[in-house]
N, C-alpha and C. Protein backbone atom coordinates (compact mmCIF):
# COMPACT_ATOMS: atom_id res chain seq x y z
N MET A 1 142.67 152.63 104.43
CA MET A 1 143.87 152.44 103.95
C MET A 1 144.08 151.20 103.16
N HIS A 2 143.42 150.01 103.55
CA HIS A 2 143.33 148.83 102.81
C HIS A 2 142.89 149.00 101.35
N ALA A 3 142.12 149.87 101.16
CA ALA A 3 141.37 150.03 99.59
C ALA A 3 142.37 150.74 98.87
N PHE A 4 143.32 151.32 99.39
CA PHE A 4 144.53 152.19 98.80
C PHE A 4 145.81 151.47 98.73
N SER A 5 145.84 150.41 99.39
CA SER A 5 147.22 149.86 99.75
C SER A 5 147.77 149.46 98.44
N ASP A 6 147.34 148.78 97.43
CA ASP A 6 148.04 148.41 96.32
C ASP A 6 148.68 149.85 95.54
N LEU A 7 147.66 150.80 95.56
CA LEU A 7 148.15 151.97 94.95
C LEU A 7 149.50 152.65 95.73
N LEU A 8 149.27 152.75 97.01
CA LEU A 8 150.29 153.19 97.79
C LEU A 8 151.60 152.26 97.73
N ASP A 9 151.56 151.02 97.61
CA ASP A 9 152.70 150.12 97.59
C ASP A 9 153.41 150.45 96.13
N ASP A 10 152.53 150.75 94.99
CA ASP A 10 153.17 150.81 93.70
C ASP A 10 153.92 152.13 93.65
N SER A 11 153.53 153.15 94.52
CA SER A 11 154.10 154.61 94.54
C SER A 11 155.56 154.34 94.41
N PRO A 12 156.18 155.30 93.55
CA PRO A 12 157.71 155.26 93.63
C PRO A 12 158.44 155.93 94.60
N ALA A 13 157.61 156.87 95.52
CA ALA A 13 158.27 157.68 96.52
C ALA A 13 157.60 157.05 97.97
N PRO A 14 158.37 157.08 98.88
CA PRO A 14 157.62 156.67 100.24
C PRO A 14 156.32 157.53 100.46
N VAL A 15 155.48 156.82 101.04
CA VAL A 15 154.10 157.34 101.27
C VAL A 15 153.89 157.68 102.70
N VAL A 16 153.45 158.90 102.90
CA VAL A 16 153.27 159.24 104.14
C VAL A 16 151.91 159.20 104.67
N VAL A 17 151.40 158.45 105.61
CA VAL A 17 150.15 158.48 106.25
C VAL A 17 150.16 158.98 107.63
N VAL A 18 149.40 160.08 107.89
CA VAL A 18 149.20 160.33 109.31
C VAL A 18 147.84 160.52 109.67
N ASN A 19 147.73 159.61 110.71
CA ASN A 19 146.41 159.38 111.45
C ASN A 19 146.42 160.31 112.51
N VAL A 20 145.07 160.74 112.97
CA VAL A 20 144.91 161.76 113.88
C VAL A 20 144.46 160.95 115.06
N SER A 21 145.22 160.95 116.19
CA SER A 21 145.06 160.12 117.44
C SER A 21 144.80 161.35 118.58
N SER A 22 144.99 160.82 119.76
CA SER A 22 144.81 161.60 121.06
C SER A 22 145.50 160.81 122.03
N GLY A 23 146.14 161.66 122.98
CA GLY A 23 146.89 161.09 124.15
C GLY A 23 145.75 160.58 125.24
N VAL A 24 144.43 160.71 125.11
CA VAL A 24 143.54 159.95 125.94
C VAL A 24 143.40 158.56 125.36
N GLY A 25 144.00 158.25 124.24
CA GLY A 25 144.25 156.79 123.79
C GLY A 25 145.37 156.22 124.32
N SER A 26 146.49 156.93 124.93
CA SER A 26 147.66 156.06 125.43
C SER A 26 147.18 155.49 126.77
N LEU A 27 147.71 154.15 126.63
CA LEU A 27 147.52 153.31 127.99
C LEU A 27 148.49 153.74 129.05
N GLY A 28 149.68 154.37 128.50
CA GLY A 28 150.55 154.99 129.45
C GLY A 28 150.20 156.00 130.23
N TYR A 29 149.45 156.95 129.54
CA TYR A 29 148.91 158.19 130.24
C TYR A 29 147.51 157.46 131.06
N ALA A 30 146.78 156.64 130.57
CA ALA A 30 145.59 156.28 131.24
C ALA A 30 146.01 155.48 132.50
N SER A 31 146.95 154.84 132.36
CA SER A 31 147.30 154.17 133.77
C SER A 31 148.17 154.84 134.67
N ASP A 32 148.56 156.04 134.49
CA ASP A 32 149.33 156.89 135.40
C ASP A 32 148.26 157.87 136.00
N SER A 33 147.94 157.40 137.36
CA SER A 33 146.89 158.11 138.14
C SER A 33 147.15 159.54 138.22
N ALA A 34 148.51 160.21 137.92
CA ALA A 34 148.60 161.54 138.13
C ALA A 34 148.80 162.02 136.61
N GLY A 35 148.65 161.10 135.79
CA GLY A 35 148.93 161.67 134.30
C GLY A 35 147.89 162.38 133.63
N PRO A 36 147.90 162.91 132.46
CA PRO A 36 147.11 163.94 131.77
C PRO A 36 145.78 163.32 131.32
N ALA A 37 145.73 161.76 131.19
CA ALA A 37 144.40 161.27 131.00
C ALA A 37 143.85 160.65 131.99
N ALA A 38 144.21 160.76 133.23
CA ALA A 38 143.72 160.17 134.41
C ALA A 38 142.12 160.30 134.70
N ASP A 39 141.95 161.59 134.65
CA ASP A 39 140.46 162.06 135.02
C ASP A 39 139.58 161.75 134.02
N GLY A 40 138.29 161.55 134.42
CA GLY A 40 137.08 161.41 133.76
C GLY A 40 136.97 159.86 133.34
N MET A 41 135.69 159.63 132.94
CA MET A 41 135.28 158.32 132.65
C MET A 41 134.81 158.11 131.18
N LEU A 42 135.44 159.13 130.14
CA LEU A 42 135.09 158.77 128.77
C LEU A 42 135.53 157.46 128.38
N LEU A 43 134.91 156.90 127.85
CA LEU A 43 135.09 155.60 127.26
C LEU A 43 135.13 155.32 125.70
N GLY A 44 134.36 156.00 124.92
CA GLY A 44 134.36 155.81 123.42
C GLY A 44 135.50 156.46 122.72
N HIS A 45 135.72 157.80 123.16
CA HIS A 45 136.86 158.46 122.41
C HIS A 45 138.32 157.91 122.78
N PRO A 46 138.59 157.72 124.09
CA PRO A 46 139.77 157.08 124.44
C PRO A 46 139.90 155.63 123.73
N SER A 47 138.91 154.94 123.81
CA SER A 47 139.01 153.44 123.15
C SER A 47 139.32 153.51 121.61
N SER A 48 138.44 154.48 121.01
CA SER A 48 138.83 154.71 119.57
C SER A 48 140.30 155.07 119.13
N LYS A 49 140.74 155.89 120.01
CA LYS A 49 142.18 156.64 119.78
C LYS A 49 143.16 155.46 120.25
N ALA A 50 142.89 154.45 120.92
CA ALA A 50 143.91 153.66 121.47
C ALA A 50 143.89 152.52 120.12
N ALA A 51 142.66 152.30 119.42
CA ALA A 51 142.61 151.53 118.39
C ALA A 51 143.27 152.15 117.06
N VAL A 52 143.15 153.41 117.02
CA VAL A 52 144.07 153.99 115.89
C VAL A 52 145.40 154.06 116.09
N ASN A 53 145.79 154.09 117.33
CA ASN A 53 147.38 153.97 117.82
C ASN A 53 147.76 152.35 117.23
N MET A 54 146.92 151.55 117.50
CA MET A 54 147.22 150.14 117.27
C MET A 54 147.28 149.91 115.67
N LEU A 55 146.28 150.59 114.95
CA LEU A 55 146.32 150.36 113.55
C LEU A 55 147.46 150.99 112.95
N THR A 56 147.93 152.29 113.54
CA THR A 56 149.08 152.91 112.97
C THR A 56 150.43 151.93 113.24
N VAL A 57 150.53 151.23 114.24
CA VAL A 57 151.64 150.48 114.38
C VAL A 57 151.69 149.18 113.58
N LYS A 58 150.21 148.59 113.37
CA LYS A 58 150.31 147.42 112.45
C LYS A 58 150.51 147.84 110.99
N TRP A 59 149.99 148.76 110.63
CA TRP A 59 150.17 149.26 109.30
C TRP A 59 151.62 149.73 108.83
N ALA A 60 152.27 150.09 109.85
CA ALA A 60 153.62 150.73 109.76
C ALA A 60 154.45 149.20 109.42
N ARG A 61 154.27 148.43 110.14
CA ARG A 61 154.90 147.10 110.14
C ARG A 61 154.53 146.37 108.96
N ALA A 62 153.39 146.26 108.50
CA ALA A 62 152.97 145.69 107.24
C ALA A 62 153.43 146.26 105.84
N HIS A 63 153.81 147.62 106.15
CA HIS A 63 154.33 148.30 104.98
C HIS A 63 155.38 149.11 105.22
N PRO A 64 156.62 148.63 105.29
CA PRO A 64 157.92 149.31 105.85
C PRO A 64 158.11 150.41 104.86
N ARG A 65 157.92 150.56 103.54
CA ARG A 65 158.04 151.54 102.78
C ARG A 65 157.38 152.89 103.08
N TRP A 66 156.15 152.82 103.68
CA TRP A 66 155.36 153.60 104.12
C TRP A 66 155.84 154.54 105.19
N GLN A 67 155.42 155.73 105.57
CA GLN A 67 155.65 156.40 106.74
C GLN A 67 154.36 156.54 107.46
N VAL A 68 154.15 155.73 108.41
CA VAL A 68 152.69 155.51 108.87
C VAL A 68 152.88 155.88 110.47
N ASN A 69 152.34 157.22 110.76
CA ASN A 69 152.53 157.74 112.20
C ASN A 69 151.25 158.26 112.59
N ALA A 70 151.01 158.55 113.85
CA ALA A 70 149.79 159.24 114.32
C ALA A 70 150.23 160.40 115.01
N GLY A 71 149.44 161.63 114.77
CA GLY A 71 149.69 162.79 115.68
C GLY A 71 148.58 162.99 116.50
N ASP A 72 149.00 163.60 117.62
CA ASP A 72 148.09 163.83 118.84
C ASP A 72 148.03 165.54 118.94
N PRO A 73 146.87 166.18 118.41
CA PRO A 73 146.88 167.49 118.52
C PRO A 73 146.74 168.10 119.88
N GLY A 74 146.45 167.43 120.77
CA GLY A 74 146.27 167.83 122.04
C GLY A 74 145.04 168.61 122.30
N PHE A 75 144.96 169.13 123.50
CA PHE A 75 143.50 169.92 123.89
C PHE A 75 143.53 171.16 123.22
N THR A 76 143.09 171.33 122.14
CA THR A 76 143.15 172.68 121.33
C THR A 76 141.80 173.36 121.40
N ALA A 77 142.05 174.53 121.39
CA ALA A 77 140.83 175.48 121.53
C ALA A 77 140.22 175.42 120.26
N THR A 78 139.08 175.02 119.91
CA THR A 78 138.34 174.70 118.72
C THR A 78 136.74 174.78 119.06
N ASP A 79 135.91 175.09 117.95
CA ASP A 79 134.52 175.00 118.23
C ASP A 79 134.02 173.77 118.90
N LEU A 80 134.83 172.67 118.65
CA LEU A 80 134.32 171.31 119.13
C LEU A 80 134.32 171.33 120.81
N ASP A 81 135.41 172.07 121.35
CA ASP A 81 135.35 172.19 122.66
C ASP A 81 134.93 173.47 123.28
N ALA A 82 134.30 174.34 122.49
CA ALA A 82 133.71 175.42 123.08
C ALA A 82 134.92 176.25 123.43
N HIS A 83 136.11 176.05 122.65
CA HIS A 83 137.40 176.98 122.74
C HIS A 83 137.97 176.89 124.20
N ARG A 84 137.95 175.82 124.92
CA ARG A 84 138.44 175.45 126.16
C ARG A 84 139.64 174.92 126.35
N GLY A 85 140.21 174.49 125.03
CA GLY A 85 141.38 173.96 124.75
C GLY A 85 142.65 175.06 125.45
N ASN A 86 143.70 174.40 125.72
CA ASN A 86 144.75 175.13 126.47
C ASN A 86 145.88 175.54 125.39
N GLN A 87 145.48 175.19 124.07
CA GLN A 87 146.67 175.69 123.03
C GLN A 87 145.93 176.01 121.63
N THR A 88 146.63 176.79 120.95
CA THR A 88 146.11 177.33 119.52
C THR A 88 145.85 176.17 118.58
N VAL A 89 145.14 176.39 117.59
CA VAL A 89 145.11 175.69 116.36
C VAL A 89 146.22 175.33 115.78
N HIS A 90 147.33 176.55 115.55
CA HIS A 90 148.51 176.30 115.04
C HIS A 90 149.41 175.17 115.96
N GLU A 91 149.34 175.42 117.41
CA GLU A 91 150.13 174.40 118.17
C GLU A 91 149.46 173.05 118.08
N GLY A 92 148.15 173.00 117.73
CA GLY A 92 147.53 171.67 117.89
C GLY A 92 147.99 171.03 116.49
N THR A 93 148.30 171.71 115.27
CA THR A 93 148.68 171.16 114.08
C THR A 93 150.00 170.85 114.16
N GLU A 94 151.01 171.27 115.08
CA GLU A 94 152.41 171.11 114.84
C GLU A 94 152.80 169.53 114.65
N ALA A 95 152.22 168.59 115.49
CA ALA A 95 152.81 167.18 115.28
C ALA A 95 152.25 166.64 114.11
N SER A 96 150.92 166.62 113.52
CA SER A 96 150.77 166.17 112.30
C SER A 96 151.42 166.86 111.08
N VAL A 97 151.71 168.04 111.16
CA VAL A 97 152.47 168.60 110.03
C VAL A 97 153.94 168.18 110.06
N ARG A 98 154.52 168.08 111.18
CA ARG A 98 155.91 167.67 111.21
C ARG A 98 155.91 166.20 110.72
N LEU A 99 154.84 165.45 110.89
CA LEU A 99 154.77 164.11 110.57
C LEU A 99 154.72 164.06 108.92
N ALA A 100 153.87 164.91 108.60
CA ALA A 100 153.81 164.85 107.19
C ALA A 100 154.87 165.34 106.26
N CYS A 101 155.82 165.99 107.01
CA CYS A 101 156.91 166.47 106.21
C CYS A 101 158.24 165.58 106.71
N VAL A 102 158.05 164.51 107.14
CA VAL A 102 159.25 163.56 107.65
C VAL A 102 160.31 163.41 106.51
N ALA A 103 161.49 163.21 106.52
CA ALA A 103 162.48 162.68 105.64
C ALA A 103 162.33 161.27 105.25
N PRO A 104 162.83 160.83 104.31
CA PRO A 104 162.84 159.40 103.80
C PRO A 104 163.29 158.18 104.76
N ASP A 105 164.35 158.82 105.52
CA ASP A 105 164.79 157.97 106.72
C ASP A 105 164.06 158.06 107.80
N ARG A 106 162.78 158.16 107.85
CA ARG A 106 161.79 158.52 108.77
C ARG A 106 161.38 157.63 110.02
N PRO A 107 160.83 158.15 110.88
CA PRO A 107 160.22 157.26 112.01
C PRO A 107 159.07 156.77 111.42
N THR A 108 158.65 155.57 111.81
CA THR A 108 157.24 155.02 111.43
C THR A 108 156.85 154.40 112.37
N GLY A 109 155.36 154.14 112.51
CA GLY A 109 154.80 153.47 113.62
C GLY A 109 154.76 154.21 115.01
N THR A 110 154.77 155.35 114.96
CA THR A 110 155.00 156.18 116.09
C THR A 110 153.56 156.97 116.36
N VAL A 111 153.62 157.37 117.61
CA VAL A 111 152.48 158.37 118.07
C VAL A 111 153.05 159.62 118.69
N VAL A 112 152.95 160.65 118.35
CA VAL A 112 153.74 161.83 118.89
C VAL A 112 152.60 162.89 119.03
N ASP A 113 153.02 163.89 119.97
CA ASP A 113 152.21 165.14 120.12
C ASP A 113 153.27 166.27 119.64
N ARG A 114 153.02 167.53 120.08
CA ARG A 114 153.92 168.63 119.54
C ARG A 114 155.17 168.69 120.62
N HIS A 115 155.21 167.87 121.66
CA HIS A 115 156.46 167.76 122.65
C HIS A 115 157.20 166.50 122.40
N GLY A 116 156.71 165.66 121.63
CA GLY A 116 157.38 164.21 121.26
C GLY A 116 156.57 162.99 121.37
N THR A 117 157.21 161.88 121.71
CA THR A 117 156.43 160.63 121.48
C THR A 117 155.55 160.58 122.70
N VAL A 118 154.22 160.06 122.51
CA VAL A 118 153.14 159.89 123.36
C VAL A 118 153.54 158.39 123.98
N PRO A 119 153.61 158.20 125.27
CA PRO A 119 153.73 156.77 125.90
C PRO A 119 152.82 155.76 125.49
N TRP A 120 152.99 154.50 125.23
CA TRP A 120 152.13 153.57 125.05
C TRP A 120 151.41 153.15 126.16
């Protein structure tokens, strides 16, 4: 985003940026022993998604005209997980599509899944 920030700032229309994140990057979920991200010792993927969440918030604050948010597709049945996910691809795209279509009086600096805001 840094490479394009001058172009995005010069845009006459609000700019929509949707990062793809994951609930496994949520500190709120990870610290809840009964939460959806409590099991397993994956380190790389959760850490990288926590970083995406932080970058989302920082870019949103640095560029208030932009709409910078992150969507969590959830555990979606795809080739990547051998179709073990508990939701369809359509369901997995709901949050990102909703964020890409937000109105100009938009939320910014948020992380959401198809059910709402993901806790930090």
